[in-house]
Amino acid sequence: MNLGRSNLYRSLVTAVALLIVAGSWYPPIQDLANEQVDAGLKRAVVSFASARALNAAISVLQGTAVSAQPLGVGITFTLGEVLDPINDLVERFSEWMLIASVAFGVQKMLLLIGSHWAVSALVSAFAVLWALLFVYRRAPLWLSRLLVVLLMVRFAVPAVTLGSDFVFRQMLADDYAQSQAYLELAARQVDQRAQEASMVQPPGTDRSLWDKLKEGASAVASSIRFDEIRKSAEQLPNRVITLIAIFFLQTILIPVVLLWALYRIAVAMTRGSGSHPREADAATAT
């Protein structure tokens, strides 16, 4: 009975070692992780570009004051005070997107380092050595810890990348798509309104009645456009904060949680590796 348990335990240890060796040289794991990092980096860059475009359009619009005197009545429109806090938020958002882009870039570099043939060779060699020592004698604690470190270097980043991308696709993708689409739409609308506002004819001295009527119509239209921009700007903070939260989760919080979980598993494996199956059988017999 005890002999059977010991043989089964040896078989399991050998199988785990073989899986580690095979996984170290299995390209699809690395390819899939690289694809997810590239997709995340693309999303961050697109959001960064949209934020910069919106920031530039708002800055132009803030400096544009439409003054008109339709039929002798003075009208002045300005959005500087209304858009100033929105513009500050968009600037902070663009900084967050730059940080997220850097985080994805760091993940990509770590993936390249972990997938190097030298790392795979070290993982394979130490996994086989650890399995042999563990089966026939007892794997020393330092060897178990070294193997855990190598396993973290080789597999932690791909596992964290795939895990965070899974959470994104299952829970965050729809919110990202809606918020990003609104951000791009807002950038186009604000840019269009800024161009239209800059084309409003300034009041002059010699103007015909027709010019005054056109100026009055332009002033009314500008008032309507400014009100539309103000209403759109009121919805921007929610969308921007949603995007910040999504990228924070995917690049910081979720990876940290997954790394912590992997670390705890690795620690448990290290603690359990010191018990040899023959010693466990002897302890059971006594």
C-alpha atoms as a PDB file:
ATOM      1  CA  MET A   1       0.000   0.000   0.000  1.00  0.00           C
ATOM      2  CA  ASN A   2       2.713   2.390   1.036  1.00  0.00           C
ATOM      3  CA  LEU A   3       4.884   1.272  -1.872  1.00  0.00           C
ATOM      4  CA  GLY A   4       2.051   2.024  -4.257  1.00  0.00           C
ATOM      5  CA  ARG A   5       1.606   5.493  -2.816  1.00  0.00           C
ATOM      6  CA  SER A   6       5.326   6.144  -3.075  1.00  0.00           C
ATOM      7  CA  ASN A   7       5.428   5.069  -6.723  1.00  0.00           C
ATOM      8  CA  LEU A   8       2.399   7.214  -7.497  1.00  0.00           C
ATOM      9  CA  TYR A   9       4.034  10.209  -5.837  1.00  0.00           C
ATOM     10  CA  ARG A  10       7.230   9.679  -7.836  1.00  0.00           C
ATOM     11  CA  SER A  11       5.187   9.468 -11.015  1.00  0.00           C
ATOM     12  CA  LEU A  12       3.404  12.724 -10.229  1.00  0.00           C
ATOM     13  CA  VAL A  13       6.679  14.531  -9.518  1.00  0.00           C
ATOM     14  CA  THR A  14       8.163  13.222 -12.763  1.00  0.00           C
ATOM     15  CA  ALA A  15       5.078  14.285 -14.706  1.00  0.00           C
ATOM     16  CA  VAL A  16       5.226  17.791 -13.225  1.00  0.00           C
ATOM     17  CA  ALA A  17       8.903  18.094 -14.138  1.00  0.00           C
ATOM     18  CA  LEU A  18       8.179  16.973 -17.703  1.00  0.00           C
ATOM     19  CA  LEU A  19       5.325  19.483 -17.980  1.00  0.00           C
ATOM     20  CA  ILE A  20       7.627  22.254 -16.781  1.00  0.00           C
ATOM     21  CA  VAL A  21      10.253  21.314 -19.358  1.00  0.00           C
ATOM     22  CA  ALA A  22       7.680  21.095 -22.166  1.00  0.00           C
ATOM     23  CA  GLY A  23       6.058  24.395 -21.164  1.00  0.00           C
ATOM     24  CA  SER A  24       9.408  26.153 -21.134  1.00  0.00           C
ATOM     25  CA  TRP A  25       9.837  25.416 -24.839  1.00  0.00           C
ATOM     26  CA  TYR A  26       6.176  25.684 -25.920  1.00  0.00           C
ATOM     27  CA  PRO A  27       5.914  28.692 -28.308  1.00  0.00           C
ATOM     28  CA  PRO A  28       2.099  29.187 -28.345  1.00  0.00           C
ATOM     29  CA  ILE A  29       2.140  30.319 -24.702  1.00  0.00           C
ATOM     30  CA  GLN A  30       4.602  33.083 -25.529  1.00  0.00           C
ATOM     31  CA  ASP A  31       2.876  34.001 -28.795  1.00  0.00           C
ATOM     32  CA  LEU A  32      -0.525  34.341 -27.158  1.00  0.00           C
ATOM     33  CA  ALA A  33       0.883  36.478 -24.341  1.00  0.00           C
ATOM     34  CA  ASN A  34       2.652  38.714 -26.867  1.00  0.00           C
ATOM     35  CA  GLU A  35      -0.590  39.160 -28.803  1.00  0.00           C
ATOM     36  CA  GLN A  36      -2.453  40.247 -25.680  1.00  0.00           C
ATOM     37  CA  VAL A  37       0.287  42.692 -24.679  1.00  0.00           C
ATOM     38  CA  ASP A  38       0.300  44.186 -28.175  1.00  0.00           C
ATOM     39  CA  ALA A  39      -3.483  44.549 -28.068  1.00  0.00           C
ATOM     40  CA  GLY A  40      -3.341  46.266 -24.676  1.00  0.00           C
ATOM     41  CA  LEU A  41      -0.537  48.555 -25.828  1.00  0.00           C
ATOM     42  CA  LYS A  42      -2.559  49.488 -28.908  1.00  0.00           C
ATOM     43  CA  ARG A  43      -5.582  50.367 -26.765  1.00  0.00           C
ATOM     44  CA  ALA A  44      -3.453  52.533 -24.487  1.00  0.00           C
ATOM     45  CA  VAL A  45      -1.827  54.345 -27.436  1.00  0.00           C
ATOM     46  CA  VAL A  46      -5.200  54.951 -29.093  1.00  0.00           C
ATOM     47  CA  SER A  47      -6.623  56.375 -25.872  1.00  0.00           C
ATOM     48  CA  PHE A  48      -3.508  58.519 -25.414  1.00  0.00           C
ATOM     49  CA  ALA A  49      -3.841  59.891 -28.963  1.00  0.00           C
ATOM     50  CA  SER A  50      -7.550  60.628 -28.443  1.00  0.00           C
ATOM     51  CA  ALA A  51      -6.795  62.415 -25.175  1.00  0.00           C
ATOM     52  CA  ARG A  52      -4.099  64.562 -26.782  1.00  0.00           C
ATOM     53  CA  ALA A  53      -6.393  65.427 -29.691  1.00  0.00           C
ATOM     54  CA  LEU A  54      -9.198  66.371 -27.315  1.00  0.00           C
ATOM     55  CA  ASN A  55      -6.804  68.385 -25.176  1.00  0.00           C
ATOM     56  CA  ALA A  56      -5.565  70.322 -28.201  1.00  0.00           C
ATOM     57  CA  ALA A  57      -9.102  71.015 -29.445  1.00  0.00           C
ATOM     58  CA  ILE A  58     -10.270  72.206 -26.027  1.00  0.00           C
ATOM     59  CA  SER A  59      -7.224  74.459 -25.707  1.00  0.00           C
ATOM     60  CA  VAL A  60      -8.033  76.086 -29.030  1.00  0.00           C
ATOM     61  CA  LEU A  61     -11.663  76.487 -28.076  1.00  0.00           C
ATOM     62  CA  GLN A  62     -10.756  77.961 -24.698  1.00  0.00           C
ATOM     63  CA  GLY A  63      -8.826  80.722 -26.408  1.00  0.00           C
ATOM     64  CA  THR A  64     -11.641  81.461 -28.828  1.00  0.00           C
ATOM     65  CA  ALA A  65     -14.148  84.105 -27.830  1.00  0.00           C
ATOM     66  CA  VAL A  66     -16.928  84.820 -30.285  1.00  0.00           C
ATOM     67  CA  SER A  67     -17.954  88.460 -30.277  1.00  0.00           C
ATOM     68  CA  ALA A  68     -20.743  89.739 -32.460  1.00  0.00           C
ATOM     69  CA  GLN A  69     -23.127  92.692 -32.669  1.00  0.00           C
ATOM     70  CA  PRO A  70     -26.147  91.456 -34.550  1.00  0.00           C
ATOM     71  CA  LEU A  71     -28.439  94.421 -35.295  1.00  0.00           C
ATOM     72  CA  GLY A  72     -26.497  96.539 -32.816  1.00  0.00           C
ATOM     73  CA  VAL A  73     -26.796  94.131 -29.866  1.00  0.00           C
ATOM     74  CA  GLY A  74     -23.442  92.981 -28.440  1.00  0.00           C
ATOM     75  CA  ILE A  75     -23.023  89.242 -27.740  1.00  0.00           C
ATOM     76  CA  THR A  76     -19.865  87.498 -26.495  1.00  0.00           C
ATOM     77  CA  PHE A  77     -19.410  83.773 -25.999  1.00  0.00           C
ATOM     78  CA  THR A  78     -16.550  82.079 -24.153  1.00  0.00           C
ATOM     79  CA  LEU A  79     -16.038  78.567 -22.818  1.00  0.00           C
ATOM     80  CA  GLY A  80     -12.750  79.061 -21.018  1.00  0.00           C
ATOM     81  CA  GLU A  81     -14.140  78.816 -17.488  1.00  0.00           C
ATOM     82  CA  VAL A  82     -16.443  75.910 -18.336  1.00  0.00           C
ATOM     83  CA  LEU A  83     -13.822  73.812 -20.126  1.00  0.00           C
ATOM     84  CA  ASP A  84     -10.807  74.563 -17.946  1.00  0.00           C
ATOM     85  CA  PRO A  85     -11.440  71.779 -15.346  1.00  0.00           C
ATOM     86  CA  ILE A  86     -12.352  69.362 -18.150  1.00  0.00           C
ATOM     87  CA  ASN A  87      -9.122  70.189 -19.929  1.00  0.00           C
ATOM     88  CA  ASP A  88      -7.126  69.588 -16.746  1.00  0.00           C
ATOM     89  CA  LEU A  89      -8.780  66.190 -16.341  1.00  0.00           C
ATOM     90  CA  VAL A  90      -8.026  65.273 -19.955  1.00  0.00           C
ATOM     91  CA  GLU A  91      -4.381  66.248 -19.438  1.00  0.00           C
ATOM     92  CA  ARG A  92      -4.155  63.984 -16.384  1.00  0.00           C
ATOM     93  CA  PHE A  93      -5.845  61.234 -18.384  1.00  0.00           C
ATOM     94  CA  SER A  94      -3.267  61.520 -21.170  1.00  0.00           C
ATOM     95  CA  GLU A  95      -0.536  61.125 -18.548  1.00  0.00           C
ATOM     96  CA  TRP A  96      -2.230  57.983 -17.241  1.00  0.00           C
ATOM     97  CA  MET A  97      -2.415  56.585 -20.762  1.00  0.00           C
ATOM     98  CA  LEU A  98       1.284  57.252 -21.224  1.00  0.00           C
ATOM     99  CA  ILE A  99       1.999  55.350 -17.990  1.00  0.00           C
ATOM    100  CA  ALA A 100      -0.240  52.490 -19.164  1.00  0.00           C
ATOM    101  CA  SER A 101       1.610  52.389 -22.498  1.00  0.00           C
ATOM    102  CA  VAL A 102       4.933  52.176 -20.646  1.00  0.00           C
ATOM    103  CA  ALA A 103       3.542  49.400 -18.424  1.00  0.00           C
ATOM    104  CA  PHE A 104       2.545  47.345 -21.462  1.00  0.00           C
ATOM    105  CA  GLY A 105       5.969  48.015 -22.970  1.00  0.00           C
ATOM    106  CA  VAL A 106       7.649  46.737 -19.804  1.00  0.00           C
ATOM    107  CA  GLN A 107       5.493  43.602 -19.918  1.00  0.00           C
ATOM    108  CA  LYS A 108       6.587  43.004 -23.497  1.00  0.00           C
ATOM    109  CA  MET A 109      10.258  43.339 -22.570  1.00  0.00           C
ATOM    110  CA  LEU A 110       9.817  40.953 -19.616  1.00  0.00           C
ATOM    111  CA  LEU A 111       8.125  38.473 -21.931  1.00  0.00           C
ATOM    112  CA  LEU A 112      11.105  38.640 -24.279  1.00  0.00           C
ATOM    113  CA  ILE A 113      13.526  38.089 -21.396  1.00  0.00           C
ATOM    114  CA  GLY A 114      11.542  35.204 -19.918  1.00  0.00           C
ATOM    115  CA  SER A 115      11.185  33.454 -23.276  1.00  0.00           C
ATOM    116  CA  HIS A 116      14.917  33.557 -24.075  1.00  0.00           C
ATOM    117  CA  TRP A 117      16.367  30.137 -24.793  1.00  0.00           C
ATOM    118  CA  ALA A 118      18.860  30.495 -21.941  1.00  0.00           C
ATOM    119  CA  VAL A 119      16.040  30.897 -19.400  1.00  0.00           C
ATOM    120  CA  SER A 120      14.176  27.917 -20.867  1.00  0.00           C
ATOM    121  CA  ALA A 121      17.350  25.843 -20.718  1.00  0.00           C
ATOM    122  CA  LEU A 122      17.964  26.749 -17.071  1.00  0.00           C
ATOM    123  CA  VAL A 123      14.368  25.974 -16.118  1.00  0.00           C
ATOM    124  CA  SER A 124      14.537  22.616 -17.892  1.00  0.00           C
ATOM    125  CA  ALA A 125      17.870  21.632 -16.338  1.00  0.00           C
ATOM    126  CA  PHE A 126      16.941  22.581 -12.783  1.00  0.00           C
ATOM    127  CA  ALA A 127      13.469  21.028 -13.081  1.00  0.00           C
ATOM    128  CA  VAL A 128      14.976  17.690 -14.106  1.00  0.00           C
ATOM    129  CA  LEU A 129      17.660  17.909 -11.409  1.00  0.00           C
ATOM    130  CA  TRP A 130      15.088  18.790  -8.740  1.00  0.00           C
ATOM    131  CA  ALA A 131      12.829  15.897  -9.791  1.00  0.00           C
ATOM    132  CA  LEU A 132      15.690  13.390  -9.683  1.00  0.00           C
ATOM    133  CA  LEU A 133      16.873  14.507  -6.265  1.00  0.00           C
ATOM    134  CA  PHE A 134      13.357  14.641  -4.904  1.00  0.00           C
ATOM    135  CA  VAL A 135      12.483  11.147  -6.099  1.00  0.00           C
ATOM    136  CA  TYR A 136      15.656   9.341  -5.046  1.00  0.00           C
ATOM    137  CA  ARG A 137      16.780  11.339  -2.014  1.00  0.00           C
ATOM    138  CA  ARG A 138      15.579  14.719  -0.959  1.00  0.00           C
ATOM    139  CA  ALA A 139      15.679  17.988  -2.904  1.00  0.00           C
ATOM    140  CA  PRO A 140      17.633  20.606  -0.917  1.00  0.00           C
ATOM    141  CA  LEU A 141      15.684  23.692   0.047  1.00  0.00           C
ATOM    142  CA  TRP A 142      17.983  26.041  -1.857  1.00  0.00           C
ATOM    143  CA  LEU A 143      17.406  24.081  -5.058  1.00  0.00           C
ATOM    144  CA  SER A 144      13.636  24.205  -4.576  1.00  0.00           C
ATOM    145  CA  ARG A 145      13.752  27.959  -4.051  1.00  0.00           C
ATOM    146  CA  LEU A 146      16.003  28.481  -7.052  1.00  0.00           C
ATOM    147  CA  LEU A 147      13.622  26.468  -9.200  1.00  0.00           C
ATOM    148  CA  VAL A 148      10.712  28.585  -7.955  1.00  0.00           C
ATOM    149  CA  VAL A 149      12.567  31.761  -8.935  1.00  0.00           C
ATOM    150  CA  LEU A 150      13.273  30.395 -12.409  1.00  0.00           C
ATOM    151  CA  LEU A 151       9.657  29.330 -12.803  1.00  0.00           C
ATOM    152  CA  MET A 152       8.503  32.844 -11.859  1.00  0.00           C
ATOM    153  CA  VAL A 153      10.893  34.376 -14.383  1.00  0.00           C
ATOM    154  CA  ARG A 154       9.730  32.035 -17.134  1.00  0.00           C
ATOM    155  CA  PHE A 155       5.996  31.729 -16.487  1.00  0.00           C
ATOM    156  CA  ALA A 156       4.824  34.541 -14.180  1.00  0.00           C
ATOM    157  CA  VAL A 157       4.646  37.325 -16.769  1.00  0.00           C
ATOM    158  CA  PRO A 158       2.825  35.214 -19.412  1.00  0.00           C
ATOM    159  CA  ALA A 159       0.404  33.964 -16.754  1.00  0.00           C
ATOM    160  CA  VAL A 160      -0.252  37.474 -15.441  1.00  0.00           C
ATOM    161  CA  THR A 161      -0.648  38.840 -18.971  1.00  0.00           C
ATOM    162  CA  LEU A 162      -3.132  36.174 -20.015  1.00  0.00           C
ATOM    163  CA  GLY A 163      -5.008  36.429 -16.711  1.00  0.00           C
ATOM    164  CA  SER A 164      -5.401  40.203 -16.816  1.00  0.00           C
ATOM    165  CA  ASP A 165      -6.444  40.059 -20.471  1.00  0.00           C
ATOM    166  CA  PHE A 166      -9.061  37.412 -19.621  1.00  0.00           C
ATOM    167  CA  VAL A 167     -10.530  39.680 -16.936  1.00  0.00           C
ATOM    168  CA  PHE A 168     -10.522  42.589 -19.398  1.00  0.00           C
ATOM    169  CA  ARG A 169     -12.320  40.665 -22.124  1.00  0.00           C
ATOM    170  CA  GLN A 170     -14.897  39.189 -19.756  1.00  0.00           C
ATOM    171  CA  MET A 171     -15.678  42.233 -17.600  1.00  0.00           C
ATOM    172  CA  LEU A 172     -14.168  45.455 -18.944  1.00  0.00           C
ATOM    173  CA  ALA A 173     -14.163  45.305 -22.747  1.00  0.00           C
ATOM    174  CA  ASP A 174     -17.653  46.750 -23.246  1.00  0.00           C
ATOM    175  CA  ASP A 175     -17.065  49.676 -20.904  1.00  0.00           C
ATOM    176  CA  TYR A 176     -13.767  50.397 -22.615  1.00  0.00           C
ATOM    177  CA  ALA A 177     -15.307  50.339 -26.097  1.00  0.00           C
ATOM    178  CA  GLN A 178     -18.148  52.680 -25.107  1.00  0.00           C
ATOM    179  CA  SER A 179     -15.940  55.150 -23.254  1.00  0.00           C
ATOM    180  CA  GLN A 180     -13.272  55.171 -25.962  1.00  0.00           C
ATOM    181  CA  ALA A 181     -15.874  55.734 -28.685  1.00  0.00           C
ATOM    182  CA  TYR A 182     -17.338  58.647 -26.710  1.00  0.00           C
ATOM    183  CA  LEU A 183     -13.881  60.125 -26.201  1.00  0.00           C
ATOM    184  CA  GLU A 184     -13.111  59.994 -29.925  1.00  0.00           C
ATOM    185  CA  LEU A 185     -16.512  61.485 -30.767  1.00  0.00           C
ATOM    186  CA  ALA A 186     -15.999  64.298 -28.268  1.00  0.00           C
ATOM    187  CA  ALA A 187     -12.578  65.057 -29.738  1.00  0.00           C
ATOM    188  CA  ARG A 188     -14.051  65.339 -33.248  1.00  0.00           C
ATOM    189  CA  GLN A 189     -16.981  67.474 -32.102  1.00  0.00           C
ATOM    190  CA  VAL A 190     -14.860  69.871 -30.073  1.00  0.00           C
ATOM    191  CA  ASP A 191     -12.367  70.221 -32.924  1.00  0.00           C
ATOM    192  CA  GLN A 192     -15.191  70.961 -35.360  1.00  0.00           C
ATOM    193  CA  ARG A 193     -16.741  73.543 -33.041  1.00  0.00           C
ATOM    194  CA  ALA A 194     -13.361  75.199 -32.552  1.00  0.00           C
ATOM    195  CA  GLN A 195     -12.920  75.540 -36.305  1.00  0.00           C
ATOM    196  CA  GLU A 196     -16.419  76.908 -36.741  1.00  0.00           C
ATOM    197  CA  ALA A 197     -15.966  79.394 -33.900  1.00  0.00           C
ATOM    198  CA  SER A 198     -12.732  80.698 -35.385  1.00  0.00           C
ATOM    199  CA  MET A 199     -14.537  81.378 -38.676  1.00  0.00           C
ATOM    200  CA  VAL A 200     -17.118  83.719 -37.132  1.00  0.00           C
ATOM    201  CA  GLN A 201     -16.711  87.194 -38.657  1.00  0.00           C
ATOM    202  CA  PRO A 202     -15.561  89.795 -36.112  1.00  0.00           C
ATOM    203  CA  PRO A 203     -17.603  92.988 -35.868  1.00  0.00           C
ATOM    204  CA  GLY A 204     -16.579  95.661 -38.328  1.00  0.00           C
ATOM    205  CA  THR A 205     -17.433  99.272 -39.014  1.00  0.00           C
ATOM    206  CA  ASP A 206     -18.832  99.102 -42.526  1.00  0.00           C
ATOM    207  CA  ARG A 207     -21.352  96.320 -42.740  1.00  0.00           C
ATOM    208  CA  SER A 208     -24.509  95.981 -44.674  1.00  0.00           C
ATOM    209  CA  LEU A 209     -27.797  94.860 -43.225  1.00  0.00           C
ATOM    210  CA  TRP A 210     -27.236  91.456 -44.811  1.00  0.00           C
ATOM    211  CA  ASP A 211     -23.845  91.141 -43.059  1.00  0.00           C
ATOM    212  CA  LYS A 212     -25.460  92.063 -39.753  1.00  0.00           C
ATOM    213  CA  LEU A 213     -28.161  89.459 -40.259  1.00  0.00           C
ATOM    214  CA  LYS A 214     -25.553  86.815 -41.121  1.00  0.00           C
ATOM    215  CA  GLU A 215     -23.549  87.794 -38.073  1.00  0.00           C
ATOM    216  CA  GLY A 216     -26.626  87.510 -35.919  1.00  0.00           C
ATOM    217  CA  ALA A 217     -27.365  84.041 -37.261  1.00  0.00           C
ATOM    218  CA  SER A 218     -23.741  83.021 -36.653  1.00  0.00           C
ATOM    219  CA  ALA A 219     -23.922  84.337 -33.103  1.00  0.00           C
ATOM    220  CA  VAL A 220     -27.090  82.368 -32.376  1.00  0.00           C
ATOM    221  CA  ALA A 221     -25.596  79.254 -33.971  1.00  0.00           C
ATOM    222  CA  SER A 222     -22.431  79.685 -31.898  1.00  0.00           C
ATOM    223  CA  SER A 223     -24.537  79.970 -28.771  1.00  0.00           C
ATOM    224  CA  ILE A 224     -26.273  76.695 -29.603  1.00  0.00           C
ATOM    225  CA  ARG A 225     -22.961  74.979 -30.404  1.00  0.00           C
ATOM    226  CA  PHE A 226     -21.390  76.202 -27.182  1.00  0.00           C
ATOM    227  CA  ASP A 227     -24.331  74.831 -25.232  1.00  0.00           C
ATOM    228  CA  GLU A 228     -23.912  71.470 -26.972  1.00  0.00           C
ATOM    229  CA  ILE A 229     -20.209  71.442 -26.118  1.00  0.00           C
ATOM    230  CA  ARG A 230     -20.986  72.301 -22.507  1.00  0.00           C
ATOM    231  CA  LYS A 231     -23.450  69.417 -22.254  1.00  0.00           C
ATOM    232  CA  SER A 232     -20.975  67.016 -23.867  1.00  0.00           C
ATOM    233  CA  ALA A 233     -18.229  68.204 -21.541  1.00  0.00           C
ATOM    234  CA  GLU A 234     -20.385  67.392 -18.530  1.00  0.00           C
ATOM    235  CA  GLN A 235     -20.355  63.703 -19.543  1.00  0.00           C
ATOM    236  CA  LEU A 236     -16.629  63.539 -20.271  1.00  0.00           C
ATOM    237  CA  PRO A 237     -15.405  63.108 -16.657  1.00  0.00           C
ATOM    238  CA  ASN A 238     -17.368  59.862 -16.188  1.00  0.00           C
ATOM    239  CA  ARG A 239     -15.981  58.427 -19.427  1.00  0.00           C
ATOM    240  CA  VAL A 240     -12.432  59.526 -18.682  1.00  0.00           C
ATOM    241  CA  ILE A 241     -12.521  58.152 -15.130  1.00  0.00           C
ATOM    242  CA  THR A 242     -13.913  54.853 -16.462  1.00  0.00           C
ATOM    243  CA  LEU A 243     -10.992  54.535 -18.869  1.00  0.00           C
ATOM    244  CA  ILE A 244      -8.479  55.383 -16.139  1.00  0.00           C
ATOM    245  CA  ALA A 245     -10.013  52.727 -13.879  1.00  0.00           C
ATOM    246  CA  ILE A 246      -9.918  50.101 -16.641  1.00  0.00           C
ATOM    247  CA  PHE A 247      -6.246  50.667 -17.448  1.00  0.00           C
ATOM    248  CA  PHE A 248      -5.386  50.839 -13.737  1.00  0.00           C
ATOM    249  CA  LEU A 249      -7.006  47.451 -13.215  1.00  0.00           C
ATOM    250  CA  GLN A 250      -5.366  45.841 -16.231  1.00  0.00           C
ATOM    251  CA  THR A 251      -1.837  47.204 -15.798  1.00  0.00           C
ATOM    252  CA  ILE A 252      -1.476  47.497 -12.014  1.00  0.00           C
ATOM    253  CA  LEU A 253      -4.103  45.975  -9.723  1.00  0.00           C
ATOM    254  CA  ILE A 254      -4.891  42.693 -11.499  1.00  0.00           C
ATOM    255  CA  PRO A 255      -1.210  41.893 -12.293  1.00  0.00           C
ATOM    256  CA  VAL A 256      -0.227  42.576  -8.675  1.00  0.00           C
ATOM    257  CA  VAL A 257      -3.003  40.304  -7.375  1.00  0.00           C
ATOM    258  CA  LEU A 258      -2.058  37.532  -9.812  1.00  0.00           C
ATOM    259  CA  LEU A 259       1.634  37.840  -8.973  1.00  0.00           C
ATOM    260  CA  TRP A 260       0.809  37.625  -5.286  1.00  0.00           C
ATOM    261  CA  ALA A 261      -1.277  34.492  -5.909  1.00  0.00           C
ATOM    262  CA  LEU A 262       1.544  32.903  -7.920  1.00  0.00           C
ATOM    263  CA  TYR A 263       4.004  33.796  -5.189  1.00  0.00           C
ATOM    264  CA  ARG A 264       1.846  32.145  -2.541  1.00  0.00           C
ATOM    265  CA  ILE A 265       1.566  29.017  -4.681  1.00  0.00           C
ATOM    266  CA  ALA A 266       5.327  29.003  -5.198  1.00  0.00           C
ATOM    267  CA  VAL A 267       5.925  29.352  -1.451  1.00  0.00           C
ATOM    268  CA  ALA A 268       3.559  26.457  -0.783  1.00  0.00           C
ATOM    269  CA  MET A 269       5.398  24.328  -3.331  1.00  0.00           C
ATOM    270  CA  THR A 270       8.740  25.187  -1.741  1.00  0.00           C
ATOM    271  CA  ARG A 271       7.539  24.254   1.742  1.00  0.00           C
ATOM    272  CA  GLY A 272       6.037  21.019   0.545  1.00  0.00           C
ATOM    273  CA  SER A 273       9.060  19.953  -1.467  1.00  0.00           C
ATOM    274  CA  GLY A 274      11.104  19.018   1.607  1.00  0.00           C
ATOM    275  CA  SER A 275       8.932  16.024   2.472  1.00  0.00           C
ATOM    276  CA  HIS A 276      10.114  12.899   0.713  1.00  0.00           C
ATOM    277  CA  PRO A 277       7.482  10.231  -0.049  1.00  0.00           C
ATOM    278  CA  ARG A 278       9.450   7.523   1.841  1.00  0.00           C
ATOM    279  CA  GLU A 279       9.667   9.790   4.881  1.00  0.00           C
ATOM    280  CA  ALA A 280       5.957  10.470   4.671  1.00  0.00           C
ATOM    281  CA  ASP A 281       5.257   6.727   4.500  1.00  0.00           C
ATOM    282  CA  ALA A 282       7.500   6.087   7.490  1.00  0.00           C
ATOM    283  CA  ALA A 283       5.759   8.814   9.466  1.00  0.00           C
ATOM    284  CA  THR A 284       2.428   7.296   8.588  1.00  0.00           C
ATOM    285  CA  ALA A 285       3.544   3.831   9.633  1.00  0.00           C
ATOM    286  CA  THR A 286       4.710   5.015  13.041  1.00  0.00           C
END
